[in-house]
Amino acid sequence: MCWSAQADAVVGGAVAGVGVACLVRARRSGPPQRLLLAALPLVLGVHQLIEALVWLGTDGELPSALAGAARTA
């Protein structure tokens, strides 16, 4: 989203939660081929959470090792 670390963390948590719900529903009621598609929101949510870590690292609020790992993830 590129607004702030807080916005990325909130949206990332919400999208990751939707992704978990999608995976649970796809696992219960569909063919296994749908699991990959259902995992997309979870992957995007994790991406947003990593982006929040990058923001925090840029602002100097994280240790350099963690900030470097977030930038290369």
N, C-alpha and C. Protein backbone atom coordinates (compact mmCIF):
# COMPACT_ATOMS: atom_id res chain seq x y z
N MET A 1 0.82 -1.18 0.00
CA MET A 1 0.00 0.00 0.00
C MET A 1 0.86 1.24 0.00
N CYS A 2 2.00 1.18 0.63
CA CYS A 2 2.97 2.29 0.61
C CYS A 2 2.45 3.56 1.26
N TRP A 3 1.66 3.48 2.30
CA TRP A 3 1.26 4.66 3.05
C TRP A 3 2.05 4.76 4.34
N SER A 4 2.04 3.70 5.10
CA SER A 4 2.77 3.69 6.37
C SER A 4 2.89 2.26 6.85
N ALA A 5 3.75 2.07 7.84
CA ALA A 5 3.91 0.73 8.40
C ALA A 5 2.63 0.27 9.08
N GLN A 6 1.96 1.19 9.76
CA GLN A 6 0.73 0.83 10.46
C GLN A 6 -0.37 0.41 9.48
N ALA A 7 -0.51 1.15 8.38
CA ALA A 7 -1.52 0.79 7.37
C ALA A 7 -1.21 -0.57 6.75
N ASP A 8 0.06 -0.80 6.45
CA ASP A 8 0.45 -2.10 5.88
C ASP A 8 0.19 -3.23 6.86
N ALA A 9 0.45 -3.00 8.14
CA ALA A 9 0.23 -4.05 9.14
C ALA A 9 -1.25 -4.36 9.30
N VAL A 10 -2.08 -3.33 9.34
CA VAL A 10 -3.53 -3.55 9.50
C VAL A 10 -4.10 -4.27 8.29
N VAL A 11 -3.78 -3.78 7.11
CA VAL A 11 -4.31 -4.40 5.89
C VAL A 11 -3.72 -5.80 5.71
N GLY A 12 -2.44 -5.96 5.99
CA GLY A 12 -1.83 -7.28 5.86
C GLY A 12 -2.46 -8.30 6.79
N GLY A 13 -2.75 -7.89 8.03
CA GLY A 13 -3.42 -8.80 8.96
C GLY A 13 -4.82 -9.17 8.51
N ALA A 14 -5.55 -8.18 7.98
CA ALA A 14 -6.92 -8.44 7.51
C ALA A 14 -6.91 -9.36 6.29
N VAL A 15 -6.04 -9.07 5.34
CA VAL A 15 -5.99 -9.89 4.12
C VAL A 15 -5.49 -11.29 4.44
N ALA A 16 -4.53 -11.42 5.33
CA ALA A 16 -4.06 -12.75 5.72
C ALA A 16 -5.16 -13.53 6.42
N GLY A 17 -5.96 -12.85 7.25
CA GLY A 17 -7.10 -13.52 7.89
C GLY A 17 -8.11 -14.02 6.88
N VAL A 18 -8.38 -13.21 5.86
CA VAL A 18 -9.28 -13.64 4.78
C VAL A 18 -8.66 -14.84 4.06
N GLY A 19 -7.36 -14.81 3.88
CA GLY A 19 -6.68 -15.92 3.21
C GLY A 19 -6.80 -17.22 3.98
N VAL A 20 -6.68 -17.15 5.29
CA VAL A 20 -6.86 -18.35 6.11
C VAL A 20 -8.29 -18.87 5.98
N ALA A 21 -9.25 -17.96 6.01
CA ALA A 21 -10.65 -18.37 5.86
C ALA A 21 -10.89 -19.00 4.49
N CYS A 22 -10.28 -18.45 3.45
CA CYS A 22 -10.41 -19.02 2.11
C CYS A 22 -9.83 -20.43 2.05
N LEU A 23 -8.66 -20.62 2.67
CA LEU A 23 -8.04 -21.94 2.66
C LEU A 23 -8.89 -22.97 3.41
N VAL A 24 -9.43 -22.57 4.54
CA VAL A 24 -10.28 -23.49 5.31
C VAL A 24 -11.51 -23.87 4.50
N ARG A 25 -12.13 -22.88 3.90
CA ARG A 25 -13.34 -23.17 3.12
C ARG A 25 -13.04 -24.03 1.89
N ALA A 26 -11.94 -23.73 1.22
CA ALA A 26 -11.58 -24.51 0.03
C ALA A 26 -11.22 -25.94 0.41
N ARG A 27 -10.59 -26.12 1.54
CA ARG A 27 -10.21 -27.47 1.97
C ARG A 27 -11.43 -28.31 2.31
N ARG A 28 -12.45 -27.65 2.89
CA ARG A 28 -13.64 -28.39 3.30
C ARG A 28 -14.59 -28.70 2.15
N SER A 29 -14.68 -27.80 1.18
CA SER A 29 -15.78 -27.95 0.23
C SER A 29 -15.38 -27.96 -1.23
N GLY A 30 -14.15 -28.19 -1.54
CA GLY A 30 -13.80 -28.16 -2.94
C GLY A 30 -12.71 -29.15 -3.29
N PRO A 31 -12.47 -29.27 -4.58
CA PRO A 31 -11.37 -30.14 -4.99
C PRO A 31 -10.02 -29.54 -4.57
N PRO A 32 -9.03 -30.39 -4.38
CA PRO A 32 -7.72 -29.91 -3.91
C PRO A 32 -7.07 -28.88 -4.84
N GLN A 33 -7.47 -28.85 -6.10
CA GLN A 33 -6.90 -27.89 -7.04
C GLN A 33 -7.23 -26.45 -6.65
N ARG A 34 -8.27 -26.24 -5.89
CA ARG A 34 -8.67 -24.89 -5.50
C ARG A 34 -7.82 -24.33 -4.36
N LEU A 35 -7.04 -25.16 -3.71
CA LEU A 35 -6.23 -24.70 -2.58
C LEU A 35 -5.20 -23.66 -3.01
N LEU A 36 -4.61 -23.84 -4.16
CA LEU A 36 -3.61 -22.89 -4.64
C LEU A 36 -4.24 -21.52 -4.87
N LEU A 37 -5.39 -21.49 -5.47
CA LEU A 37 -6.09 -20.22 -5.69
C LEU A 37 -6.54 -19.62 -4.36
N ALA A 38 -6.99 -20.44 -3.46
CA ALA A 38 -7.45 -19.96 -2.15
C ALA A 38 -6.29 -19.42 -1.31
N ALA A 39 -5.07 -19.83 -1.60
CA ALA A 39 -3.91 -19.38 -0.84
C ALA A 39 -3.45 -17.98 -1.24
N LEU A 40 -3.91 -17.47 -2.36
CA LEU A 40 -3.45 -16.16 -2.84
C LEU A 40 -3.67 -15.02 -1.83
N PRO A 41 -4.85 -14.89 -1.21
CA PRO A 41 -4.98 -13.81 -0.23
C PRO A 41 -4.01 -13.94 0.94
N LEU A 42 -3.72 -15.15 1.36
CA LEU A 42 -2.77 -15.35 2.44
C LEU A 42 -1.38 -14.89 2.02
N VAL A 43 -0.98 -15.23 0.82
CA VAL A 43 0.33 -14.81 0.31
C VAL A 43 0.40 -13.29 0.22
N LEU A 44 -0.66 -12.67 -0.28
CA LEU A 44 -0.67 -11.20 -0.39
C LEU A 44 -0.67 -10.54 0.99
N GLY A 45 -1.36 -11.14 1.95
CA GLY A 45 -1.35 -10.60 3.32
C GLY A 45 0.02 -10.67 3.94
N VAL A 46 0.71 -11.78 3.74
CA VAL A 46 2.07 -11.92 4.27
C VAL A 46 2.99 -10.90 3.59
N HIS A 47 2.78 -10.67 2.30
CA HIS A 47 3.56 -9.66 1.59
C HIS A 47 3.37 -8.28 2.22
N GLN A 48 2.14 -7.94 2.55
CA GLN A 48 1.87 -6.65 3.19
C GLN A 48 2.54 -6.55 4.56
N LEU A 49 2.55 -7.65 5.30
CA LEU A 49 3.20 -7.65 6.61
C LEU A 49 4.72 -7.47 6.48
N ILE A 50 5.30 -8.09 5.46
CA ILE A 50 6.73 -7.90 5.21
C ILE A 50 7.00 -6.46 4.80
N GLU A 51 6.10 -5.89 4.01
CA GLU A 51 6.25 -4.49 3.61
C GLU A 51 6.21 -3.57 4.84
N ALA A 52 5.39 -3.90 5.81
CA ALA A 52 5.36 -3.12 7.05
C ALA A 52 6.71 -3.18 7.76
N LEU A 53 7.33 -4.35 7.76
CA LEU A 53 8.66 -4.48 8.35
C LEU A 53 9.69 -3.64 7.59
N VAL A 54 9.57 -3.59 6.27
CA VAL A 54 10.47 -2.76 5.48
C VAL A 54 10.31 -1.29 5.86
N TRP A 55 9.06 -0.84 6.01
CA TRP A 55 8.81 0.53 6.43
C TRP A 55 9.45 0.81 7.79
N LEU A 56 9.25 -0.10 8.73
CA LEU A 56 9.81 0.09 10.07
C LEU A 56 11.34 0.11 10.02
N GLY A 57 11.91 -0.72 9.16
CA GLY A 57 13.37 -0.72 9.00
C GLY A 57 13.87 0.58 8.39
N THR A 58 13.12 1.11 7.44
CA THR A 58 13.49 2.38 6.82
C THR A 58 13.43 3.52 7.83
N ASP A 59 12.45 3.46 8.73
CA ASP A 59 12.30 4.49 9.76
C ASP A 59 13.30 4.31 10.91
N GLY A 60 14.08 3.23 10.89
CA GLY A 60 15.06 2.99 11.94
C GLY A 60 14.48 2.40 13.20
N GLU A 61 13.29 1.82 13.13
CA GLU A 61 12.65 1.27 14.32
C GLU A 61 12.89 -0.23 14.49
N LEU A 62 13.67 -0.83 13.60
CA LEU A 62 13.99 -2.26 13.69
C LEU A 62 15.51 -2.43 13.73
N PRO A 63 15.97 -3.52 14.32
CA PRO A 63 17.40 -3.81 14.23
C PRO A 63 17.81 -3.99 12.77
N SER A 64 19.04 -3.65 12.46
CA SER A 64 19.49 -3.69 11.06
C SER A 64 19.40 -5.09 10.45
N ALA A 65 19.63 -6.12 11.23
CA ALA A 65 19.57 -7.48 10.68
C ALA A 65 18.15 -7.83 10.25
N LEU A 66 17.16 -7.47 11.08
CA LEU A 66 15.77 -7.76 10.73
C LEU A 66 15.32 -6.90 9.57
N ALA A 67 15.73 -5.65 9.55
CA ALA A 67 15.38 -4.77 8.43
C ALA A 67 15.98 -5.28 7.13
N GLY A 68 17.21 -5.75 7.18
CA GLY A 68 17.84 -6.31 5.98
C GLY A 68 17.15 -7.57 5.51
N ALA A 69 16.73 -8.41 6.45
CA ALA A 69 16.01 -9.63 6.06
C ALA A 69 14.67 -9.29 5.43
N ALA A 70 14.01 -8.28 5.95
CA ALA A 70 12.70 -7.87 5.38
C ALA A 70 12.89 -7.32 3.98
N ARG A 71 13.97 -6.59 3.75
CA ARG A 71 14.20 -6.03 2.41
C ARG A 71 14.52 -7.10 1.39
N THR A 72 15.14 -8.20 1.81
CA THR A 72 15.49 -9.24 0.85
C THR A 72 14.43 -10.33 0.73
N ALA A 73 13.40 -10.29 1.57
CA ALA A 73 12.35 -11.31 1.53
C ALA A 73 11.47 -11.15 0.31
